[in-house]
Amino acid sequence: MSTKEKIQEDVDVLEQETFQHEIVLHNDDVNTFDFVIDSLVSVCEHTFEQAEQCAILVHYKGKCSVKSGDYKDLEPRCSKLLQLGLSAELV
């Protein structure tokens, strides 16, 4: 392997390790499973099955990471979840 190939390989690895932000959904005693599932489907573009699994995890574990990605993409999604009355944070 030449030095140029090795350097390019190192650069490719560094580009893949960029930090991603997450929306964390917290449990509450107000919203129903159906409402949480519908919200995750519409706001986070989850499938019904993904949203259902997240809702179950939130219920039993107290919180769950429901979406990861770039801050610019996640910030409006988190704001929408908050507007819907869900307890969410962007980390």
Protein backbone atom coordinates (compact mmCIF):
# COMPACT_ATOMS: atom_id res chain seq x y z
CA MET A 1 0.00 0.00 0.00
CA SER A 2 1.40 3.36 -0.99
CA THR A 3 1.58 6.32 1.37
CA LYS A 4 -1.03 8.18 -0.68
CA GLU A 5 -3.52 5.29 -0.36
CA LYS A 6 -2.92 5.06 3.39
CA ILE A 7 -3.54 8.79 3.90
CA GLN A 8 -6.74 8.63 1.83
CA GLU A 9 -7.92 5.66 3.90
CA ASP A 10 -7.32 7.61 7.13
CA VAL A 11 -9.28 10.59 5.77
CA ASP A 12 -12.21 8.36 4.77
CA VAL A 13 -12.38 6.91 8.29
CA LEU A 14 -12.31 10.37 9.88
CA GLU A 15 -15.16 11.56 7.66
CA GLN A 16 -17.33 8.64 8.76
CA GLU A 17 -16.82 9.38 12.48
CA THR A 18 -18.55 12.77 12.51
CA PHE A 19 -20.58 13.36 15.67
CA GLN A 20 -24.31 12.99 15.29
CA HIS A 21 -26.93 14.58 17.50
CA GLU A 22 -29.94 12.70 18.84
CA ILE A 23 -33.53 13.43 19.80
CA VAL A 24 -34.26 11.72 23.11
CA LEU A 25 -37.92 11.18 23.97
CA HIS A 26 -38.81 10.97 27.66
CA ASN A 27 -41.69 9.18 29.32
CA ASP A 28 -44.68 11.14 30.62
CA ASP A 29 -48.00 10.30 32.21
CA VAL A 30 -50.04 12.38 29.78
CA ASN A 31 -49.72 11.08 26.22
CA THR A 32 -51.14 7.77 25.01
CA PHE A 33 -49.18 5.12 23.13
CA ASP A 34 -51.22 5.82 20.00
CA PHE A 35 -50.49 9.56 20.14
CA VAL A 36 -46.75 8.99 20.66
CA ILE A 37 -46.65 6.46 17.81
CA ASP A 38 -48.54 8.78 15.44
CA SER A 39 -46.26 11.67 16.39
CA LEU A 40 -43.09 9.67 15.72
CA VAL A 41 -44.46 8.49 12.37
CA SER A 42 -45.31 12.01 11.22
CA VAL A 43 -42.43 14.01 12.74
CA CYS A 44 -39.52 11.54 12.68
CA GLU A 45 -40.65 9.61 9.60
CA HIS A 46 -40.64 6.30 11.47
CA THR A 47 -42.46 3.24 10.24
CA PHE A 48 -45.33 2.17 12.48
CA GLU A 49 -43.18 -0.66 13.85
CA GLN A 50 -40.24 1.65 14.65
CA ALA A 51 -42.51 4.14 16.38
CA GLU A 52 -44.22 1.39 18.38
CA GLN A 53 -40.88 -0.01 19.56
CA CYS A 54 -39.69 3.47 20.59
CA ALA A 55 -42.93 4.08 22.51
CA ILE A 56 -42.51 0.80 24.37
CA LEU A 57 -38.88 1.59 25.22
CA VAL A 58 -39.83 5.06 26.45
CA HIS A 59 -42.57 3.58 28.62
CA TYR A 60 -40.41 0.89 30.24
CA LYS A 61 -36.96 2.53 30.23
CA GLY A 62 -38.01 6.15 30.78
CA LYS A 63 -36.39 7.48 27.60
CA CYS A 64 -35.29 6.46 24.13
CA SER A 65 -33.24 7.96 21.32
CA VAL A 66 -35.78 8.31 18.51
CA LYS A 67 -33.76 10.03 15.78
CA SER A 68 -30.10 10.80 15.12
CA GLY A 69 -28.47 13.01 12.54
CA ASP A 70 -27.36 16.56 11.86
CA TYR A 71 -28.44 19.34 14.21
CA LYS A 72 -30.05 21.32 11.37
CA ASP A 73 -32.34 18.39 10.55
CA LEU A 74 -33.16 17.44 14.14
CA GLU A 75 -33.85 20.86 15.66
CA PRO A 76 -37.17 21.48 13.86
CA ARG A 77 -38.24 17.88 14.48
CA CYS A 78 -37.55 18.19 18.21
CA SER A 79 -39.41 21.51 18.30
CA LYS A 80 -42.42 19.88 16.62
CA LEU A 81 -42.43 17.04 19.16
CA LEU A 82 -42.36 19.63 21.95
CA GLN A 83 -45.23 21.56 20.33
CA LEU A 84 -47.24 18.33 20.28
CA GLY A 85 -46.78 18.09 24.04
CA LEU A 86 -44.16 15.34 24.09
CA SER A 87 -41.13 15.52 26.36
CA ALA A 88 -38.09 15.55 24.09
CA GLU A 89 -34.58 16.96 24.09
CA LEU A 90 -31.87 17.38 21.49
CA VAL A 91 -28.47 16.08 22.61
